[in-house]
C-alpha atoms as a PDB file:
ATOM      1  CA  MET A   1     193.797 132.245   7.968  1.00  0.00           C
ATOM      2  CA  ASN A   2     195.967 131.111  10.834  1.00  0.00           C
ATOM      3  CA  PRO A   3     199.743 131.490  10.268  1.00  0.00           C
ATOM      4  CA  LYS A   4     200.130 127.772  11.122  1.00  0.00           C
ATOM      5  CA  GLY A   5     197.986 126.795   8.056  1.00  0.00           C
ATOM      6  CA  GLY A   6     194.544 126.284   9.650  1.00  0.00           C
ATOM      7  CA  TYR A   7     191.335 128.302   9.882  1.00  0.00           C
ATOM      8  CA  THR A   8     190.337 130.422  12.819  1.00  0.00           C
ATOM      9  CA  ILE A   9     187.100 129.860  14.685  1.00  0.00           C
ATOM     10  CA  LEU A  10     185.775 133.168  13.347  1.00  0.00           C
ATOM     11  CA  GLU A  11     186.375 132.069   9.732  1.00  0.00           C
ATOM     12  CA  LEU A  12     184.640 128.734  10.351  1.00  0.00           C
ATOM     13  CA  VAL A  13     181.625 130.419  11.974  1.00  0.00           C
ATOM     14  CA  LEU A  14     181.423 132.922   9.123  1.00  0.00           C
ATOM     15  CA  ALA A  15     181.634 130.128   6.475  1.00  0.00           C
ATOM     16  CA  LEU A  16     178.991 128.121   8.326  1.00  0.00           C
ATOM     17  CA  GLY A  17     176.735 131.203   8.425  1.00  0.00           C
ATOM     18  CA  ILE A  18     177.133 131.765   4.669  1.00  0.00           C
ATOM     19  CA  VAL A  19     176.376 128.084   3.889  1.00  0.00           C
ATOM     20  CA  SER A  20     173.327 128.180   6.183  1.00  0.00           C
ATOM     21  CA  PHE A  21     172.102 131.350   4.489  1.00  0.00           C
ATOM     22  CA  ILE A  22     172.424 129.708   1.043  1.00  0.00           C
ATOM     23  CA  PHE A  23     170.543 126.595   2.247  1.00  0.00           C
ATOM     24  CA  THR A  24     167.841 128.803   3.757  1.00  0.00           C
ATOM     25  CA  LEU A  25     167.351 130.492   0.388  1.00  0.00           C
ATOM     26  CA  THR A  26     167.325 127.282  -1.689  1.00  0.00           C
ATOM     27  CA  LEU A  27     165.257 125.035   0.587  1.00  0.00           C
ATOM     28  CA  PRO A  28     161.902 126.723  -0.260  1.00  0.00           C
ATOM     29  CA  LEU A  29     162.694 126.357  -3.972  1.00  0.00           C
ATOM     30  CA  VAL A  30     163.322 122.641  -3.511  1.00  0.00           C
ATOM     31  CA  GLN A  31     160.076 122.329  -1.556  1.00  0.00           C
ATOM     32  CA  VAL A  32     158.105 124.124  -4.301  1.00  0.00           C
ATOM     33  CA  GLN A  33     159.613 121.790  -6.912  1.00  0.00           C
ATOM     34  CA  LYS A  34     158.686 118.743  -4.819  1.00  0.00           C
ATOM     35  CA  VAL A  35     155.060 119.896  -4.444  1.00  0.00           C
ATOM     36  CA  GLN A  36     154.853 120.635  -8.172  1.00  0.00           C
ATOM     37  CA  TRP A  37     156.247 117.186  -9.033  1.00  0.00           C
ATOM     38  CA  GLU A  38     153.686 115.515  -6.717  1.00  0.00           C
ATOM     39  CA  ARG A  39     150.836 117.430  -8.383  1.00  0.00           C
ATOM     40  CA  GLN A  40     152.045 116.422 -11.836  1.00  0.00           C
ATOM     41  CA  GLU A  41     152.361 112.794 -10.734  1.00  0.00           C
ATOM     42  CA  ALA A  42     148.771 112.854  -9.428  1.00  0.00           C
ATOM     43  CA  LEU A  43     147.604 114.235 -12.792  1.00  0.00           C
ATOM     44  CA  ARG A  44     149.531 111.534 -14.671  1.00  0.00           C
ATOM     45  CA  GLN A  45     148.042 108.837 -12.442  1.00  0.00           C
ATOM     46  CA  GLU A  46     144.504 110.145 -12.975  1.00  0.00           C
ATOM     47  CA  LEU A  47     145.045 110.311 -16.740  1.00  0.00           C
ATOM     48  CA  ARG A  48     146.404 106.737 -16.793  1.00  0.00           C
ATOM     49  CA  MET A  49     143.327 105.546 -14.877  1.00  0.00           C
ATOM     50  CA  LEU A  50     140.914 107.373 -17.223  1.00  0.00           C
ATOM     51  CA  THR A  51     142.745 106.088 -20.295  1.00  0.00           C
ATOM     52  CA  ALA A  52     142.673 102.480 -19.052  1.00  0.00           C
ATOM     53  CA  ALA A  53     138.944 102.693 -18.248  1.00  0.00           C
ATOM     54  CA  MET A  54     138.185 104.303 -21.615  1.00  0.00           C
ATOM     55  CA  SER A  55     140.228 101.670 -23.449  1.00  0.00           C
ATOM     56  CA  ARG A  56     138.414  98.789 -21.766  1.00  0.00           C
ATOM     57  CA  LEU A  57     134.958 100.263 -22.318  1.00  0.00           C
ATOM     58  CA  THR A  58     135.685 101.058 -25.956  1.00  0.00           C
ATOM     59  CA  ARG A  59     137.030  97.571 -26.666  1.00  0.00           C
ATOM     60  CA  GLU A  60     134.069  95.855 -24.984  1.00  0.00           C
ATOM     61  CA  ILE A  61     131.385  98.069 -26.519  1.00  0.00           C
ATOM     62  CA  GLN A  62     132.870  97.457 -29.962  1.00  0.00           C
ATOM     63  CA  CYS A  63     132.389  93.711 -29.367  1.00  0.00           C
ATOM     64  CA  ALA A  64     129.006  93.973 -27.643  1.00  0.00           C
ATOM     65  CA  GLY A  65     126.359  91.598 -28.922  1.00  0.00           C
ATOM     66  CA  TYR A  66     128.687  89.911 -31.388  1.00  0.00           C
ATOM     67  CA  HIS A  67     127.312  86.422 -30.732  1.00  0.00           C
ATOM     68  CA  GLY A  68     124.062  87.237 -28.965  1.00  0.00           C
ATOM     69  CA  GLY A  69     120.587  87.716 -30.321  1.00  0.00           C
ATOM     70  CA  GLY A  70     118.720  90.968 -29.886  1.00  0.00           C
ATOM     71  CA  PRO A  71     120.178  94.408 -29.316  1.00  0.00           C
ATOM     72  CA  PRO A  72     123.737  94.469 -27.893  1.00  0.00           C
ATOM     73  CA  VAL A  73     123.070  97.570 -25.760  1.00  0.00           C
ATOM     74  CA  LYS A  74     120.428  96.612 -23.218  1.00  0.00           C
ATOM     75  CA  SER A  75     120.041 100.021 -21.566  1.00  0.00           C
ATOM     76  CA  ILE A  76     121.713 103.389 -21.828  1.00  0.00           C
ATOM     77  CA  GLU A  77     121.282 106.500 -19.708  1.00  0.00           C
ATOM     78  CA  SER A  78     123.453 109.504 -19.111  1.00  0.00           C
ATOM     79  CA  GLY A  79     125.380 107.950 -16.218  1.00  0.00           C
ATOM     80  CA  SER A  80     125.099 104.232 -17.019  1.00  0.00           C
ATOM     81  CA  ILE A  81     125.142 101.641 -19.781  1.00  0.00           C
ATOM     82  CA  SER A  82     124.394  97.904 -19.933  1.00  0.00           C
ATOM     83  CA  TYR A  83     125.619  95.794 -22.818  1.00  0.00           C
ATOM     84  CA  GLU A  84     126.025  92.113 -23.603  1.00  0.00           C
ATOM     85  CA  ILE A  85     129.362  90.549 -24.488  1.00  0.00           C
ATOM     86  CA  SER A  86     130.644  87.009 -24.929  1.00  0.00           C
ATOM     87  CA  ARG A  87     133.920  85.821 -23.459  1.00  0.00           C
ATOM     88  CA  ASP A  88     135.906  82.659 -23.922  1.00  0.00           C
ATOM     89  CA  GLY A  89     137.878  81.711 -20.823  1.00  0.00           C
ATOM     90  CA  ARG A  90     140.392  79.722 -22.906  1.00  0.00           C
ATOM     91  CA  ALA A  91     141.340  82.625 -25.168  1.00  0.00           C
ATOM     92  CA  ALA A  92     141.935  86.097 -23.768  1.00  0.00           C
ATOM     93  CA  ASP A  93     140.288  87.864 -26.692  1.00  0.00           C
ATOM     94  CA  GLY A  94     138.096  84.990 -27.912  1.00  0.00           C
ATOM     95  CA  LEU A  95     134.317  85.223 -27.990  1.00  0.00           C
ATOM     96  CA  SER A  96     131.839  82.447 -27.281  1.00  0.00           C
ATOM     97  CA  VAL A  97     128.024  82.263 -27.436  1.00  0.00           C
ATOM     98  CA  GLY A  98     127.910  79.999 -24.395  1.00  0.00           C
ATOM     99  CA  ASN A  99     129.799  82.478 -22.268  1.00  0.00           C
ATOM    100  CA  ARG A 100     127.462  85.475 -22.378  1.00  0.00           C
ATOM    101  CA  ARG A 101     128.010  88.326 -19.936  1.00  0.00           C
ATOM    102  CA  LEU A 102     125.880  91.327 -19.109  1.00  0.00           C
ATOM    103  CA  VAL A 103     128.109  94.261 -18.226  1.00  0.00           C
ATOM    104  CA  THR A 104     126.669  97.285 -16.445  1.00  0.00           C
ATOM    105  CA  VAL A 105     128.848 100.358 -16.050  1.00  0.00           C
ATOM    106  CA  SER A 106     127.540 103.197 -13.900  1.00  0.00           C
ATOM    107  CA  LEU A 107     128.795 106.216 -12.036  1.00  0.00           C
ATOM    108  CA  LYS A 108     128.281 105.939  -8.271  1.00  0.00           C
ATOM    109  CA  GLY A 109     129.547 109.077  -6.592  1.00  0.00           C
ATOM    110  CA  ALA A 110     133.090 109.491  -7.901  1.00  0.00           C
ATOM    111  CA  ASP A 111     133.555 105.800  -8.814  1.00  0.00           C
ATOM    112  CA  LEU A 112     132.885 104.185 -12.171  1.00  0.00           C
ATOM    113  CA  MET A 113     131.456 100.819 -11.165  1.00  0.00           C
ATOM    114  CA  TYR A 114     131.766  97.773 -13.432  1.00  0.00           C
ATOM    115  CA  ARG A 115     129.312  94.930 -12.817  1.00  0.00           C
ATOM    116  CA  VAL A 116     129.478  91.598 -14.661  1.00  0.00           C
ATOM    117  CA  GLN A 117     126.665  89.025 -14.655  1.00  0.00           C
ATOM    118  CA  SER A 118     126.716  85.647 -16.399  1.00  0.00           C
ATOM    119  CA  TRP A 119     123.842  83.992 -18.245  1.00  0.00           C
ATOM    120  CA  ASP A 120     122.241  80.963 -16.608  1.00  0.00           C
ATOM    121  CA  GLU A 121     120.887  78.706 -19.368  1.00  0.00           C
ATOM    122  CA  SER A 122     118.802  76.595 -16.982  1.00  0.00           C
ATOM    123  CA  SER A 123     116.799  79.508 -15.566  1.00  0.00           C
ATOM    124  CA  SER A 124     117.171  81.878 -18.554  1.00  0.00           C
ATOM    125  CA  LEU A 125     118.176  84.644 -16.131  1.00  0.00           C
ATOM    126  CA  TRP A 126     121.275  86.698 -15.456  1.00  0.00           C
ATOM    127  CA  ARG A 127     123.182  85.546 -12.366  1.00  0.00           C
ATOM    128  CA  ARG A 128     124.011  87.990  -9.606  1.00  0.00           C
ATOM    129  CA  GLY A 129     127.635  88.621 -10.689  1.00  0.00           C
ATOM    130  CA  SER A 130     130.409  90.739  -9.247  1.00  0.00           C
ATOM    131  CA  THR A 131     131.039  94.468  -9.052  1.00  0.00           C
ATOM    132  CA  GLN A 132     134.315  96.352  -8.942  1.00  0.00           C
ATOM    133  CA  ALA A 133     135.494  99.932  -9.369  1.00  0.00           C
ATOM    134  CA  LEU A 134     136.799 100.438 -12.896  1.00  0.00           C
ATOM    135  CA  ALA A 135     137.984 103.983 -12.115  1.00  0.00           C
ATOM    136  CA  SER A 136     137.910 106.162  -8.997  1.00  0.00           C
ATOM    137  CA  GLY A 137     137.957 109.879  -8.350  1.00  0.00           C
ATOM    138  CA  LEU A 138     135.931 110.862 -11.425  1.00  0.00           C
ATOM    139  CA  ALA A 139     134.124 114.152 -11.783  1.00  0.00           C
ATOM    140  CA  GLY A 140     131.659 112.636 -14.249  1.00  0.00           C
ATOM    141  CA  ALA A 141     130.821 109.947 -16.804  1.00  0.00           C
ATOM    142  CA  CYS A 142     128.321 110.117 -19.635  1.00  0.00           C
ATOM    143  CA  PHE A 143     127.085 107.504 -22.119  1.00  0.00           C
ATOM    144  CA  ARG A 144     125.028 108.485 -25.154  1.00  0.00           C
ATOM    145  CA  GLY A 145     123.547 106.175 -27.767  1.00  0.00           C
ATOM    146  CA  LEU A 146     124.005 107.209 -31.391  1.00  0.00           C
ATOM    147  CA  ASP A 147     122.159 106.023 -34.504  1.00  0.00           C
ATOM    148  CA  ARG A 148     123.647 105.263 -37.953  1.00  0.00           C
ATOM    149  CA  SER A 149     123.759 108.950 -38.874  1.00  0.00           C
ATOM    150  CA  GLY A 150     125.533 109.894 -35.629  1.00  0.00           C
ATOM    151  CA  GLU A 151     122.507 111.528 -34.030  1.00  0.00           C
ATOM    152  CA  GLY A 152     122.251 111.118 -30.265  1.00  0.00           C
ATOM    153  CA  GLY A 153     119.460 110.343 -27.864  1.00  0.00           C
ATOM    154  CA  VAL A 154     118.380 107.027 -29.397  1.00  0.00           C
ATOM    155  CA  GLU A 155     116.923 104.119 -27.440  1.00  0.00           C
ATOM    156  CA  ALA A 156     119.161 101.233 -26.398  1.00  0.00           C
ATOM    157  CA  GLY A 157     117.789  98.871 -29.059  1.00  0.00           C
ATOM    158  CA  GLU A 158     118.475 101.364 -31.864  1.00  0.00           C
ATOM    159  CA  THR A 159     122.011 102.219 -30.791  1.00  0.00           C
ATOM    160  CA  THR A 160     124.702 101.597 -33.410  1.00  0.00           C
ATOM    161  CA  ALA A 161     127.466 103.513 -31.610  1.00  0.00           C
ATOM    162  CA  VAL A 162     128.089 104.809 -28.100  1.00  0.00           C
ATOM    163  CA  GLU A 163     129.657 108.135 -27.224  1.00  0.00           C
ATOM    164  CA  ILE A 164     131.643 107.709 -23.999  1.00  0.00           C
ATOM    165  CA  THR A 165     132.759 110.727 -21.962  1.00  0.00           C
ATOM    166  CA  LEU A 166     134.876 110.365 -18.814  1.00  0.00           C
ATOM    167  CA  ARG A 167     135.763 113.497 -16.858  1.00  0.00           C
ATOM    168  CA  GLY A 168     138.611 113.581 -14.362  1.00  0.00           C
ATOM    169  CA  ARG A 169     138.722 115.933 -11.414  1.00  0.00           C
ATOM    170  CA  ARG A 170     142.028 117.497 -12.416  1.00  0.00           C
ATOM    171  CA  CYS A 171     143.191 116.134 -15.775  1.00  0.00           C
ATOM    172  CA  GLY A 172     140.294 117.054 -18.033  1.00  0.00           C
ATOM    173  CA  THR A 173     137.914 115.045 -20.188  1.00  0.00           C
ATOM    174  CA  LEU A 174     138.326 112.023 -22.445  1.00  0.00           C
ATOM    175  CA  ARG A 175     135.715 111.416 -25.129  1.00  0.00           C
ATOM    176  CA  THR A 176     135.376 108.739 -27.811  1.00  0.00           C
ATOM    177  CA  VAL A 177     132.774 107.060 -29.980  1.00  0.00           C
ATOM    178  CA  ALA A 178     132.710 103.264 -30.050  1.00  0.00           C
ATOM    179  CA  ALA A 179     130.844 101.760 -33.005  1.00  0.00           C
ATOM    180  CA  LEU A 180     129.164  98.430 -32.288  1.00  0.00           C
ATOM    181  CA  ARG A 181     130.615  95.615 -34.364  1.00  0.00           C
ATOM    182  CA  MET A 182     127.145  94.451 -35.405  1.00  0.00           C
ATOM    183  CA  ALA A 183     126.337  97.965 -36.624  1.00  0.00           C
ATOM    184  CA  ARG A 184     129.412  97.973 -38.886  1.00  0.00           C
ATOM    185  CA  LYS A 185     128.078  95.008 -40.868  1.00  0.00           C
ATOM    186  CA  GLY A 186     125.201  97.114 -42.158  1.00  0.00           C
ATOM    187  CA  LEU A 187     127.267 100.217 -42.906  1.00  0.00           C
END
């Protein structure tokens, strides 16, 4: 230290060198933590997306065919399912016979596509409808029809429950069984 109460240039350069050395050692650790946080955030985002898609599919499949005639599940294959629901535009969770919808969910590449068609009473046909991605970046999706005893591989018309499996690329697999509301009446 300088006798007049200040620091010499040599002391300042030495202190600056020590501080720089400490920053050089800690900066890679901060960078590793940042990369790890970004990876975890991507996993959380993927899990949120899978959970939201699974929740919607489960809720709709449980209500499939509630007001319609015939089997609620119209077709089911490993990577796709079509089912009929009824929606009431005035009530968010209300159901209406006059507002029938045919929902087709299928895996196209890494996207789980959700297509909705409405029933046209005058022509007795399903209208063209709209398609949107329900979930993106999937590694796989599988739908399997189950009968009353829980056995798989049944035809669409005999399905009383649907096993839904959604597989993320990084966050793992979600699996659930959604029992059709109409099937519960007979159980």
